[in-house]
Amino acid sequence: MLNYGNIFDNEGLTYSNYRELVDNLLVAGKTTGPDDSDAMLHYTKMNVARMNRVDKTTVLTDEILETVANISGKYHFLVITEGWCGDAAQIVPIINKLVSVAPDKFDLKLVLRDGNLPLIDAHLTNNGRAIPVLLILDENKELALPKWGPRPAVLQTLLADWKKENSDMMLIAEQLHSWYAKDKTLTTQKELVALLKQLK
């Protein structure tokens, strides 16, 4: 049985520590996880630029702010991520922004997937270790809701279709990030609203 509280308290990184770790590894020619190939380093560099952009441009919707205002409990957000993951680069900064508007209600820690395989293996998507995964823990740091992630449902469906049509992962990544750019975080925020409405 997983001890979410222990993982959150002892293995979790704050968002700023996570960003610093990814930056420092890149300077050393590395990324998070065991694969420091040129492709993974390229993805990670792109993702730093994406995270910077999402950090700067994301405006939380009135609906999400209203939903947060109606929550009275205290919750801990645990996100499973990696620096090389394109979906994580598009989504983790939104979760961070959401948590930062209500520090009295939420706090956030990030853990690396490849350093926490029992954790990700308890929260697989279609039998795969897809990330990012958001786990919302209650005041006692126990799982409050089923996981959310690794991406909005509509994009999950599109991605499955793209993979049927094409095996070029670089092309699929372009389609994926083009979708995120056009969507301007709105679908992710809508799904997070649906999740937050289940909290007390």
N, C-alpha and C. Protein backbone atom coordinates (compact mmCIF):
# COMPACT_ATOMS: atom_id res chain seq x y z
N MET A 1 0.85 -1.20 0.00
CA MET A 1 0.00 0.00 0.00
C MET A 1 0.89 1.25 0.00
N LEU A 2 0.55 2.17 -0.88
CA LEU A 2 1.37 3.39 -0.99
C LEU A 2 1.12 4.34 0.16
N ASN A 3 2.19 4.95 0.64
CA ASN A 3 2.06 5.97 1.68
C ASN A 3 2.19 7.34 0.99
N TYR A 4 1.05 7.88 0.58
CA TYR A 4 1.05 9.14 -0.18
C TYR A 4 1.65 10.28 0.63
N GLY A 5 1.36 10.29 1.92
CA GLY A 5 1.88 11.35 2.79
C GLY A 5 3.39 11.35 2.82
N ASN A 6 3.98 10.16 2.91
CA ASN A 6 5.43 10.03 2.94
C ASN A 6 6.05 10.49 1.62
N ILE A 7 5.42 10.10 0.51
CA ILE A 7 5.91 10.51 -0.82
C ILE A 7 5.81 12.03 -0.94
N PHE A 8 4.67 12.59 -0.53
CA PHE A 8 4.46 14.04 -0.64
C PHE A 8 5.49 14.79 0.20
N ASP A 9 5.65 14.37 1.45
CA ASP A 9 6.53 15.10 2.38
C ASP A 9 8.01 14.91 2.09
N ASN A 10 8.40 13.69 1.72
CA ASN A 10 9.84 13.38 1.67
C ASN A 10 10.42 13.28 0.26
N GLU A 11 9.57 13.07 -0.73
CA GLU A 11 10.10 12.94 -2.09
C GLU A 11 9.64 14.07 -3.00
N GLY A 12 8.61 14.78 -2.59
CA GLY A 12 8.04 15.82 -3.44
C GLY A 12 8.91 17.06 -3.53
N LEU A 13 8.91 17.66 -4.72
CA LEU A 13 9.62 18.93 -4.97
C LEU A 13 8.59 20.05 -5.12
N THR A 14 8.94 21.23 -4.67
CA THR A 14 8.08 22.37 -4.97
C THR A 14 8.22 22.67 -6.46
N TYR A 15 7.30 23.46 -7.00
CA TYR A 15 7.36 23.80 -8.43
C TYR A 15 8.69 24.50 -8.75
N SER A 16 9.09 25.45 -7.92
CA SER A 16 10.33 26.18 -8.21
C SER A 16 11.55 25.26 -8.11
N ASN A 17 11.54 24.32 -7.16
CA ASN A 17 12.65 23.36 -7.06
C ASN A 17 12.69 22.41 -8.27
N TYR A 18 11.52 22.04 -8.74
CA TYR A 18 11.43 21.18 -9.93
C TYR A 18 11.99 21.91 -11.15
N ARG A 19 11.58 23.17 -11.32
CA ARG A 19 12.07 23.96 -12.46
C ARG A 19 13.60 24.13 -12.39
N GLU A 20 14.09 24.36 -11.19
CA GLU A 20 15.54 24.52 -10.96
C GLU A 20 16.29 23.22 -11.28
N LEU A 21 15.72 22.10 -10.85
CA LEU A 21 16.33 20.79 -11.12
C LEU A 21 16.44 20.54 -12.62
N VAL A 22 15.36 20.80 -13.36
CA VAL A 22 15.36 20.59 -14.81
C VAL A 22 16.41 21.49 -15.47
N ASP A 23 16.46 22.77 -15.05
CA ASP A 23 17.44 23.72 -15.61
C ASP A 23 18.88 23.27 -15.32
N ASN A 24 19.14 22.87 -14.08
CA ASN A 24 20.50 22.47 -13.68
C ASN A 24 20.95 21.21 -14.41
N LEU A 25 20.03 20.27 -14.58
CA LEU A 25 20.37 19.04 -15.31
C LEU A 25 20.71 19.36 -16.77
N LEU A 26 19.93 20.27 -17.36
CA LEU A 26 20.20 20.65 -18.77
C LEU A 26 21.59 21.25 -18.93
N VAL A 27 21.99 22.09 -17.97
CA VAL A 27 23.33 22.69 -18.01
C VAL A 27 24.40 21.59 -18.01
N ALA A 28 24.10 20.50 -17.31
CA ALA A 28 25.03 19.37 -17.22
C ALA A 28 24.86 18.38 -18.37
N GLY A 29 23.99 18.73 -19.35
CA GLY A 29 23.76 17.84 -20.49
C GLY A 29 22.91 16.63 -20.14
N LYS A 30 22.02 16.82 -19.16
CA LYS A 30 21.16 15.71 -18.71
C LYS A 30 19.71 16.17 -18.62
N THR A 31 18.82 15.19 -18.45
CA THR A 31 17.43 15.51 -18.15
C THR A 31 16.97 14.59 -17.02
N THR A 32 15.73 14.73 -16.58
CA THR A 32 15.24 13.84 -15.53
C THR A 32 15.04 12.46 -16.13
N GLY A 33 15.07 11.44 -15.31
CA GLY A 33 14.93 10.07 -15.81
C GLY A 33 16.26 9.53 -16.31
N PRO A 34 16.26 8.26 -16.74
CA PRO A 34 17.53 7.60 -17.08
C PRO A 34 18.04 7.87 -18.50
N ASP A 35 17.22 8.51 -19.36
CA ASP A 35 17.58 8.66 -20.78
C ASP A 35 18.06 10.08 -21.07
N ASP A 36 19.37 10.24 -21.26
CA ASP A 36 19.93 11.57 -21.56
C ASP A 36 20.29 11.71 -23.04
N SER A 37 19.53 11.03 -23.90
CA SER A 37 19.82 11.08 -25.34
C SER A 37 19.59 12.49 -25.89
N ASP A 38 20.12 12.75 -27.07
CA ASP A 38 19.95 14.06 -27.70
C ASP A 38 18.47 14.40 -27.87
N ALA A 39 17.67 13.40 -28.23
CA ALA A 39 16.22 13.63 -28.43
C ALA A 39 15.58 14.08 -27.12
N MET A 40 15.92 13.40 -26.01
CA MET A 40 15.32 13.76 -24.72
C MET A 40 15.79 15.15 -24.26
N LEU A 41 17.05 15.48 -24.53
CA LEU A 41 17.55 16.81 -24.18
C LEU A 41 16.84 17.88 -25.01
N HIS A 42 16.60 17.57 -26.28
CA HIS A 42 15.89 18.50 -27.16
C HIS A 42 14.47 18.74 -26.63
N TYR A 43 13.76 17.65 -26.29
CA TYR A 43 12.40 17.78 -25.73
C TYR A 43 12.42 18.62 -24.46
N THR A 44 13.39 18.38 -23.61
CA THR A 44 13.46 19.08 -22.33
C THR A 44 13.68 20.58 -22.54
N LYS A 45 14.59 20.93 -23.46
CA LYS A 45 14.84 22.36 -23.76
C LYS A 45 13.56 23.03 -24.26
N MET A 46 12.86 22.34 -25.16
CA MET A 46 11.59 22.87 -25.69
C MET A 46 10.58 23.04 -24.55
N ASN A 47 10.58 22.08 -23.63
CA ASN A 47 9.61 22.10 -22.54
C ASN A 47 9.88 23.23 -21.55
N VAL A 48 11.15 23.58 -21.35
CA VAL A 48 11.48 24.72 -20.49
C VAL A 48 10.87 25.99 -21.10
N ALA A 49 11.02 26.14 -22.42
CA ALA A 49 10.43 27.30 -23.11
C ALA A 49 8.90 27.27 -23.00
N ARG A 50 8.32 26.07 -23.13
CA ARG A 50 6.85 25.95 -23.02
C ARG A 50 6.37 26.31 -21.62
N MET A 51 7.07 25.79 -20.60
CA MET A 51 6.68 26.09 -19.22
C MET A 51 6.78 27.58 -18.94
N ASN A 52 7.84 28.20 -19.44
CA ASN A 52 7.99 29.66 -19.26
C ASN A 52 6.81 30.39 -19.88
N ARG A 53 6.41 29.93 -21.09
CA ARG A 53 5.31 30.60 -21.78
C ARG A 53 3.98 30.39 -21.03
N VAL A 54 3.71 29.14 -20.64
CA VAL A 54 2.45 28.85 -19.94
C VAL A 54 2.41 29.60 -18.60
N ASP A 55 3.56 29.65 -17.91
CA ASP A 55 3.65 30.41 -16.65
C ASP A 55 3.23 31.87 -16.87
N LYS A 56 3.74 32.47 -17.95
CA LYS A 56 3.51 33.90 -18.20
C LYS A 56 2.12 34.21 -18.73
N THR A 57 1.58 33.30 -19.57
CA THR A 57 0.37 33.66 -20.31
C THR A 57 -0.93 33.11 -19.73
N THR A 58 -0.86 32.13 -18.85
CA THR A 58 -2.10 31.51 -18.34
C THR A 58 -2.88 32.49 -17.47
N VAL A 59 -4.14 32.66 -17.83
CA VAL A 59 -5.07 33.43 -17.00
C VAL A 59 -6.14 32.45 -16.55
N LEU A 60 -6.31 32.30 -15.25
CA LEU A 60 -7.32 31.37 -14.75
C LEU A 60 -8.71 31.93 -15.05
N THR A 61 -9.62 31.04 -15.46
CA THR A 61 -10.97 31.47 -15.82
C THR A 61 -11.77 31.84 -14.57
N ASP A 62 -12.81 32.63 -14.77
CA ASP A 62 -13.70 32.98 -13.65
C ASP A 62 -14.29 31.73 -13.03
N GLU A 63 -14.60 30.75 -13.89
CA GLU A 63 -15.22 29.51 -13.41
C GLU A 63 -14.29 28.76 -12.45
N ILE A 64 -13.02 28.70 -12.79
CA ILE A 64 -12.09 27.97 -11.92
C ILE A 64 -11.88 28.73 -10.60
N LEU A 65 -11.81 30.06 -10.68
CA LEU A 65 -11.62 30.88 -9.47
C LEU A 65 -12.83 30.77 -8.55
N GLU A 66 -14.02 30.75 -9.14
CA GLU A 66 -15.27 30.61 -8.37
C GLU A 66 -15.31 29.24 -7.69
N THR A 67 -14.92 28.22 -8.42
CA THR A 67 -14.93 26.85 -7.88
C THR A 67 -13.96 26.74 -6.71
N VAL A 68 -12.78 27.34 -6.86
CA VAL A 68 -11.79 27.34 -5.77
C VAL A 68 -12.35 28.07 -4.55
N ALA A 69 -13.03 29.20 -4.78
CA ALA A 69 -13.59 30.00 -3.68
C ALA A 69 -14.60 29.19 -2.86
N ASN A 70 -15.27 28.23 -3.51
CA ASN A 70 -16.30 27.44 -2.83
C ASN A 70 -15.75 26.24 -2.06
N ILE A 71 -14.45 26.02 -2.16
CA ILE A 71 -13.85 24.88 -1.44
C ILE A 71 -13.43 25.34 -0.05
N SER A 72 -13.82 24.58 0.97
CA SER A 72 -13.46 25.00 2.33
C SER A 72 -12.36 24.13 2.92
N GLY A 73 -12.15 22.95 2.35
CA GLY A 73 -11.16 22.02 2.91
C GLY A 73 -9.73 22.38 2.51
N LYS A 74 -8.80 21.60 3.03
CA LYS A 74 -7.37 21.76 2.72
C LYS A 74 -6.93 20.51 1.95
N TYR A 75 -6.30 20.71 0.79
CA TYR A 75 -5.91 19.59 -0.07
C TYR A 75 -4.47 19.72 -0.53
N HIS A 76 -3.87 18.56 -0.78
CA HIS A 76 -2.47 18.50 -1.22
C HIS A 76 -2.46 17.93 -2.64
N PHE A 77 -1.86 18.66 -3.58
CA PHE A 77 -1.78 18.23 -4.97
C PHE A 77 -0.42 17.57 -5.20
N LEU A 78 -0.45 16.31 -5.59
CA LEU A 78 0.77 15.55 -5.88
C LEU A 78 0.78 15.25 -7.38
N VAL A 79 1.78 15.75 -8.08
CA VAL A 79 1.84 15.57 -9.54
C VAL A 79 3.04 14.70 -9.90
N ILE A 80 2.77 13.67 -10.71
CA ILE A 80 3.84 12.81 -11.23
C ILE A 80 4.23 13.37 -12.60
N THR A 81 5.51 13.66 -12.78
CA THR A 81 5.95 14.37 -13.98
C THR A 81 7.37 13.97 -14.36
N GLU A 82 7.87 14.54 -15.45
CA GLU A 82 9.29 14.45 -15.85
C GLU A 82 9.59 15.68 -16.71
N GLY A 83 10.84 16.11 -16.70
CA GLY A 83 11.23 17.29 -17.46
C GLY A 83 11.11 17.14 -18.97
N TRP A 84 11.21 15.90 -19.47
CA TRP A 84 11.17 15.67 -20.92
C TRP A 84 9.75 15.52 -21.46
N CYS A 85 8.75 15.50 -20.57
CA CYS A 85 7.37 15.21 -21.00
C CYS A 85 6.65 16.45 -21.51
N GLY A 86 6.26 16.41 -22.78
CA GLY A 86 5.60 17.55 -23.41
C GLY A 86 4.26 17.91 -22.79
N ASP A 87 3.43 16.90 -22.47
CA ASP A 87 2.14 17.18 -21.83
C ASP A 87 2.35 17.83 -20.47
N ALA A 88 3.34 17.36 -19.73
CA ALA A 88 3.62 17.94 -18.41
C ALA A 88 3.98 19.41 -18.53
N ALA A 89 4.76 19.75 -19.57
CA ALA A 89 5.17 21.15 -19.76
C ALA A 89 3.97 22.06 -19.99
N GLN A 90 2.93 21.51 -20.62
CA GLN A 90 1.73 22.29 -20.92
C GLN A 90 0.76 22.37 -19.74
N ILE A 91 0.82 21.38 -18.85
CA ILE A 91 -0.21 21.24 -17.80
C ILE A 91 0.27 21.61 -16.40
N VAL A 92 1.50 21.21 -16.06
CA VAL A 92 1.98 21.44 -14.68
C VAL A 92 1.97 22.93 -14.31
N PRO A 93 2.37 23.86 -15.21
CA PRO A 93 2.30 25.28 -14.83
C PRO A 93 0.87 25.76 -14.53
N ILE A 94 -0.12 25.16 -15.19
CA ILE A 94 -1.53 25.54 -14.91
C ILE A 94 -1.90 25.09 -13.50
N ILE A 95 -1.51 23.86 -13.15
CA ILE A 95 -1.80 23.34 -11.81
C ILE A 95 -1.10 24.22 -10.77
N ASN A 96 0.14 24.60 -11.06
CA ASN A 96 0.87 25.47 -10.13
C ASN A 96 0.15 26.81 -9.94
N LYS A 97 -0.34 27.38 -11.05
CA LYS A 97 -1.05 28.66 -10.96
C LYS A 97 -2.32 28.52 -10.14
N LEU A 98 -3.02 27.41 -10.35
CA LEU A 98 -4.26 27.13 -9.61
C LEU A 98 -3.97 27.05 -8.11
N VAL A 99 -2.94 26.30 -7.75
CA VAL A 99 -2.58 26.13 -6.34
C VAL A 99 -2.16 27.47 -5.72
N SER A 100 -1.46 28.30 -6.51
CA SER A 100 -0.91 29.55 -5.96
C SER A 100 -1.98 30.60 -5.67
N VAL A 101 -3.20 30.46 -6.25
CA VAL A 101 -4.26 31.45 -5.94
C VAL A 101 -4.95 31.15 -4.61
N ALA A 102 -4.72 29.94 -4.06
CA ALA A 102 -5.38 29.60 -2.80
C ALA A 102 -4.42 28.83 -1.90
N PRO A 103 -3.32 29.49 -1.46
CA PRO A 103 -2.32 28.78 -0.65
C PRO A 103 -2.86 28.31 0.70
N ASP A 104 -3.99 28.87 1.13
CA ASP A 104 -4.62 28.43 2.39
C ASP A 104 -5.36 27.10 2.19
N LYS A 105 -5.69 26.77 0.93
CA LYS A 105 -6.45 25.55 0.65
C LYS A 105 -5.63 24.45 0.00
N PHE A 106 -4.64 24.85 -0.79
CA PHE A 106 -3.89 23.88 -1.59
C PHE A 106 -2.39 24.04 -1.40
N ASP A 107 -1.66 22.93 -1.48
CA ASP A 107 -0.22 23.02 -1.73
C ASP A 107 0.15 21.96 -2.76
N LEU A 108 1.31 22.13 -3.37
CA LEU A 108 1.70 21.32 -4.52
C LEU A 108 3.09 20.75 -4.34
N LYS A 109 3.22 19.46 -4.64
CA LYS A 109 4.54 18.83 -4.72
C LYS A 109 4.58 18.00 -6.01
N LEU A 110 5.77 17.94 -6.61
CA LEU A 110 5.96 17.16 -7.83
C LEU A 110 6.94 16.04 -7.56
N VAL A 111 6.66 14.87 -8.13
CA VAL A 111 7.59 13.75 -8.01
C VAL A 111 7.90 13.23 -9.42
N LEU A 112 9.12 12.75 -9.58
CA LEU A 112 9.54 12.24 -10.88
C LEU A 112 9.05 10.80 -11.07
N ARG A 113 8.44 10.58 -12.22
CA ARG A 113 7.86 9.26 -12.51
C ARG A 113 8.89 8.14 -12.38
N ASP A 114 10.05 8.33 -13.01
CA ASP A 114 11.00 7.22 -13.10
C ASP A 114 11.71 6.94 -11.78
N GLY A 115 11.58 7.86 -10.83
CA GLY A 115 12.11 7.61 -9.49
C GLY A 115 11.05 7.09 -8.54
N ASN A 116 9.82 6.95 -9.06
CA ASN A 116 8.69 6.54 -8.21
C ASN A 116 7.80 5.55 -8.97
N LEU A 117 8.40 4.47 -9.47
CA LEU A 117 7.63 3.54 -10.30
C LEU A 117 6.44 2.90 -9.57
N PRO A 118 6.54 2.55 -8.28
CA PRO A 118 5.34 1.99 -7.62
C PRO A 118 4.18 3.00 -7.63
N LEU A 119 4.50 4.30 -7.54
CA LEU A 119 3.45 5.32 -7.54
C LEU A 119 2.77 5.39 -8.91
N ILE A 120 3.55 5.52 -9.97
CA ILE A 120 2.93 5.61 -11.31
C ILE A 120 2.24 4.29 -11.66
N ASP A 121 2.80 3.17 -11.23
CA ASP A 121 2.19 1.87 -11.56
C ASP A 121 0.84 1.68 -10.87
N ALA A 122 0.58 2.46 -9.84
CA ALA A 122 -0.74 2.42 -9.19
C ALA A 122 -1.74 3.34 -9.92
N HIS A 123 -1.24 4.12 -10.89
CA HIS A 123 -2.10 5.10 -11.58
C HIS A 123 -1.84 5.11 -13.09
N LEU A 124 -1.88 3.91 -13.69
CA LEU A 124 -1.59 3.78 -15.12
C LEU A 124 -2.76 4.30 -15.97
N THR A 125 -2.43 4.66 -17.21
CA THR A 125 -3.45 5.06 -18.19
C THR A 125 -3.35 4.07 -19.35
N ASN A 126 -4.42 3.32 -19.60
CA ASN A 126 -4.40 2.28 -20.66
C ASN A 126 -3.15 1.40 -20.53
N ASN A 127 -2.84 1.01 -19.30
CA ASN A 127 -1.69 0.15 -18.99
C ASN A 127 -0.33 0.81 -19.25
N GLY A 128 -0.31 2.11 -19.49
CA GLY A 128 0.96 2.80 -19.74
C GLY A 128 1.25 3.82 -18.64
N ARG A 129 2.54 4.14 -18.51
CA ARG A 129 2.98 5.09 -17.47
C ARG A 129 2.91 6.53 -17.99
N ALA A 130 1.74 6.91 -18.51
CA ALA A 130 1.57 8.24 -19.10
C ALA A 130 1.54 9.31 -18.00
N ILE A 131 2.18 10.44 -18.30
CA ILE A 131 2.22 11.56 -17.36
C ILE A 131 1.93 12.86 -18.11
N PRO A 132 1.58 13.93 -17.40
CA PRO A 132 1.51 14.07 -15.95
C PRO A 132 0.26 13.42 -15.37
N VAL A 133 0.35 13.05 -14.12
CA VAL A 133 -0.81 12.56 -13.36
C VAL A 133 -0.95 13.45 -12.13
N LEU A 134 -2.17 13.94 -11.94
CA LEU A 134 -2.49 14.75 -10.76
C LEU A 134 -3.24 13.89 -9.75
N LEU A 135 -2.70 13.82 -8.54
CA LEU A 135 -3.37 13.12 -7.44
C LEU A 135 -3.74 14.17 -6.39
N ILE A 136 -5.00 14.22 -6.02
CA ILE A 136 -5.42 15.17 -4.98
C ILE A 136 -5.59 14.40 -3.68
N LEU A 137 -4.82 14.82 -2.68
CA LEU A 137 -4.84 14.18 -1.36
C LEU A 137 -5.63 15.05 -0.39
N ASP A 138 -6.28 14.41 0.56
CA ASP A 138 -7.04 15.17 1.56
C ASP A 138 -6.12 15.67 2.68
N GLU A 139 -6.73 16.21 3.71
CA GLU A 139 -5.98 16.78 4.83
C GLU A 139 -5.03 15.77 5.48
N ASN A 140 -5.44 14.49 5.46
CA ASN A 140 -4.62 13.42 6.04
C ASN A 140 -3.63 12.83 5.04
N LYS A 141 -3.57 13.48 3.87
CA LYS A 141 -2.67 13.05 2.78
C LYS A 141 -3.01 11.64 2.29
N GLU A 142 -4.31 11.39 2.23
CA GLU A 142 -4.81 10.17 1.60
C GLU A 142 -5.56 10.57 0.34
N LEU A 143 -5.62 9.66 -0.63
CA LEU A 143 -6.23 9.96 -1.92
C LEU A 143 -7.68 10.41 -1.75
N ALA A 144 -8.00 11.62 -2.24
CA ALA A 144 -9.36 12.16 -2.10
C ALA A 144 -10.22 11.85 -3.31
N LEU A 145 -9.58 11.74 -4.49
CA LEU A 145 -10.30 11.53 -5.76
C LEU A 145 -9.49 10.59 -6.64
N PRO A 146 -10.14 10.00 -7.67
CA PRO A 146 -9.35 9.26 -8.65
C PRO A 146 -8.40 10.22 -9.37
N LYS A 147 -7.34 9.68 -9.96
CA LYS A 147 -6.34 10.52 -10.62
C LYS A 147 -6.92 11.30 -11.79
N TRP A 148 -6.26 12.42 -12.12
CA TRP A 148 -6.56 13.14 -13.36
C TRP A 148 -5.29 13.16 -14.20
N GLY A 149 -5.45 13.04 -15.51
CA GLY A 149 -4.32 13.09 -16.42
C GLY A 149 -4.34 11.88 -17.33
N PRO A 150 -3.40 11.80 -18.22
CA PRO A 150 -2.24 12.65 -18.43
C PRO A 150 -2.50 13.90 -19.29
N ARG A 151 -3.73 13.99 -19.83
CA ARG A 151 -4.07 15.15 -20.68
C ARG A 151 -5.59 15.22 -20.77
N PRO A 152 -6.14 16.35 -21.24
CA PRO A 152 -7.60 16.43 -21.37
C PRO A 152 -8.16 15.28 -22.23
N ALA A 153 -9.37 14.83 -21.90
CA ALA A 153 -9.98 13.65 -22.54
C ALA A 153 -10.06 13.80 -24.06
N VAL A 154 -10.44 14.99 -24.53
CA VAL A 154 -10.57 15.20 -25.98
C VAL A 154 -9.22 15.02 -26.67
N LEU A 155 -8.16 15.47 -26.04
CA LEU A 155 -6.81 15.33 -26.61
C LEU A 155 -6.33 13.88 -26.54
N GLN A 156 -6.74 13.19 -25.50
CA GLN A 156 -6.40 11.76 -25.37
C GLN A 156 -6.96 10.99 -26.57
N THR A 157 -8.20 11.31 -26.95
CA THR A 157 -8.86 10.66 -28.10
C THR A 157 -8.15 11.04 -29.40
N LEU A 158 -7.86 12.33 -29.56
CA LEU A 158 -7.16 12.80 -30.77
C LEU A 158 -5.80 12.12 -30.91
N LEU A 159 -5.09 12.02 -29.81
CA LEU A 159 -3.75 11.42 -29.82
C LEU A 159 -3.81 9.96 -30.28
N ALA A 160 -4.81 9.23 -29.78
CA ALA A 160 -4.98 7.83 -30.19
C ALA A 160 -5.21 7.76 -31.71
N ASP A 161 -6.01 8.70 -32.24
CA ASP A 161 -6.27 8.73 -33.70
C ASP A 161 -4.99 9.07 -34.47
N TRP A 162 -4.25 10.07 -34.00
CA TRP A 162 -3.01 10.46 -34.68
C TRP A 162 -2.03 9.30 -34.73
N LYS A 163 -1.97 8.54 -33.64
CA LYS A 163 -1.03 7.41 -33.58
C LYS A 163 -1.43 6.30 -34.55
N LYS A 164 -2.75 6.18 -34.82
CA LYS A 164 -3.21 5.18 -35.80
C LYS A 164 -2.80 5.60 -37.21
N GLU A 165 -2.80 6.91 -37.46
CA GLU A 165 -2.52 7.44 -38.80
C GLU A 165 -1.02 7.55 -39.08
N ASN A 166 -0.22 7.65 -38.04
CA ASN A 166 1.18 8.02 -38.24
C ASN A 166 2.05 7.43 -37.14
N SER A 167 3.27 7.05 -37.47
CA SER A 167 4.16 6.52 -36.42
C SER A 167 5.31 7.50 -36.14
N ASP A 168 5.31 8.65 -36.83
CA ASP A 168 6.38 9.63 -36.63
C ASP A 168 6.10 10.44 -35.35
N MET A 169 6.83 10.12 -34.29
CA MET A 169 6.56 10.75 -32.98
C MET A 169 6.83 12.25 -32.99
N MET A 170 7.78 12.69 -33.81
CA MET A 170 8.06 14.14 -33.90
C MET A 170 6.85 14.87 -34.48
N LEU A 171 6.24 14.28 -35.50
CA LEU A 171 5.05 14.87 -36.13
C LEU A 171 3.88 14.88 -35.15
N ILE A 172 3.72 13.77 -34.42
CA ILE A 172 2.64 13.67 -33.43
C ILE A 172 2.85 14.73 -32.34
N ALA A 173 4.10 14.91 -31.91
CA ALA A 173 4.40 15.93 -30.89
C ALA A 173 4.03 17.33 -31.40
N GLU A 174 4.29 17.59 -32.69
CA GLU A 174 3.92 18.89 -33.28
C GLU A 174 2.41 19.09 -33.23
N GLN A 175 1.66 18.04 -33.60
CA GLN A 175 0.19 18.12 -33.57
C GLN A 175 -0.30 18.38 -32.14
N LEU A 176 0.31 17.68 -31.21
CA LEU A 176 -0.06 17.80 -29.80
C LEU A 176 0.13 19.24 -29.30
N HIS A 177 1.31 19.79 -29.56
CA HIS A 177 1.60 21.14 -29.05
C HIS A 177 0.84 22.22 -29.80
N SER A 178 0.53 21.95 -31.05
CA SER A 178 -0.31 22.87 -31.83
C SER A 178 -1.72 22.92 -31.20
N TRP A 179 -2.23 21.75 -30.79
CA TRP A 179 -3.54 21.71 -30.13
C TRP A 179 -3.51 22.52 -28.83
N TYR A 180 -2.49 22.31 -28.02
CA TYR A 180 -2.38 23.05 -26.76
C TYR A 180 -2.32 24.56 -27.02
N ALA A 181 -1.55 24.96 -28.03
CA ALA A 181 -1.39 26.40 -28.33
C ALA A 181 -2.73 27.02 -28.71
N LYS A 182 -3.50 26.31 -29.55
CA LYS A 182 -4.79 26.85 -29.99
C LYS A 182 -5.80 26.87 -28.83
N ASP A 183 -5.70 25.88 -27.96
CA ASP A 183 -6.68 25.74 -26.87
C ASP A 183 -6.47 26.76 -25.74
N LYS A 184 -5.25 27.30 -25.65
CA LYS A 184 -4.92 28.32 -24.63
C LYS A 184 -5.32 27.92 -23.20
N THR A 185 -5.10 26.68 -22.84
CA THR A 185 -5.31 26.10 -21.50
C THR A 185 -6.79 25.92 -21.11
N LEU A 186 -7.73 26.31 -21.98
CA LEU A 186 -9.13 26.35 -21.57
C LEU A 186 -9.72 24.97 -21.28
N THR A 187 -9.40 23.98 -22.13
CA THR A 187 -9.95 22.63 -21.90
C THR A 187 -9.37 22.03 -20.63
N THR A 188 -8.08 22.23 -20.41
CA THR A 188 -7.45 21.73 -19.17
C THR A 188 -8.13 22.37 -17.96
N GLN A 189 -8.35 23.68 -18.02
CA GLN A 189 -8.99 24.37 -16.90
C GLN A 189 -10.41 23.84 -16.66
N LYS A 190 -11.16 23.58 -17.75
CA LYS A 190 -12.54 23.04 -17.61
C LYS A 190 -12.52 21.69 -16.90
N GLU A 191 -11.56 20.84 -17.28
CA GLU A 191 -11.49 19.52 -16.65
C GLU A 191 -11.07 19.64 -15.18
N LEU A 192 -10.21 20.59 -14.89
CA LEU A 192 -9.81 20.81 -13.49
C LEU A 192 -10.99 21.33 -12.68
N VAL A 193 -11.84 22.16 -13.29
CA VAL A 193 -13.06 22.64 -12.61
C VAL A 193 -13.93 21.44 -12.23
N ALA A 194 -14.14 20.52 -13.18
CA ALA A 194 -14.98 19.34 -12.91
C ALA A 194 -14.40 18.53 -11.75
N LEU A 195 -13.08 18.47 -11.69
CA LEU A 195 -12.40 17.74 -10.62
C LEU A 195 -12.59 18.46 -9.28
N LEU A 196 -12.34 19.77 -9.29
CA LEU A 196 -12.42 20.57 -8.06
C LEU A 196 -13.83 20.61 -7.48
N LYS A 197 -14.84 20.52 -8.36
CA LYS A 197 -16.23 20.57 -7.89
C LYS A 197 -16.58 19.36 -7.03
N GLN A 198 -15.73 18.32 -7.09
CA GLN A 198 -15.97 17.14 -6.25
C GLN A 198 -15.39 17.30 -4.85
N LEU A 199 -14.64 18.37 -4.63
CA LEU A 199 -14.01 18.61 -3.31
C LEU A 199 -14.95 19.40 -2.42
N LYS A 200 -14.76 19.25 -1.10
CA LYS A 200 -15.63 19.96 -0.15
C LYS A 200 -15.04 21.31 0.22
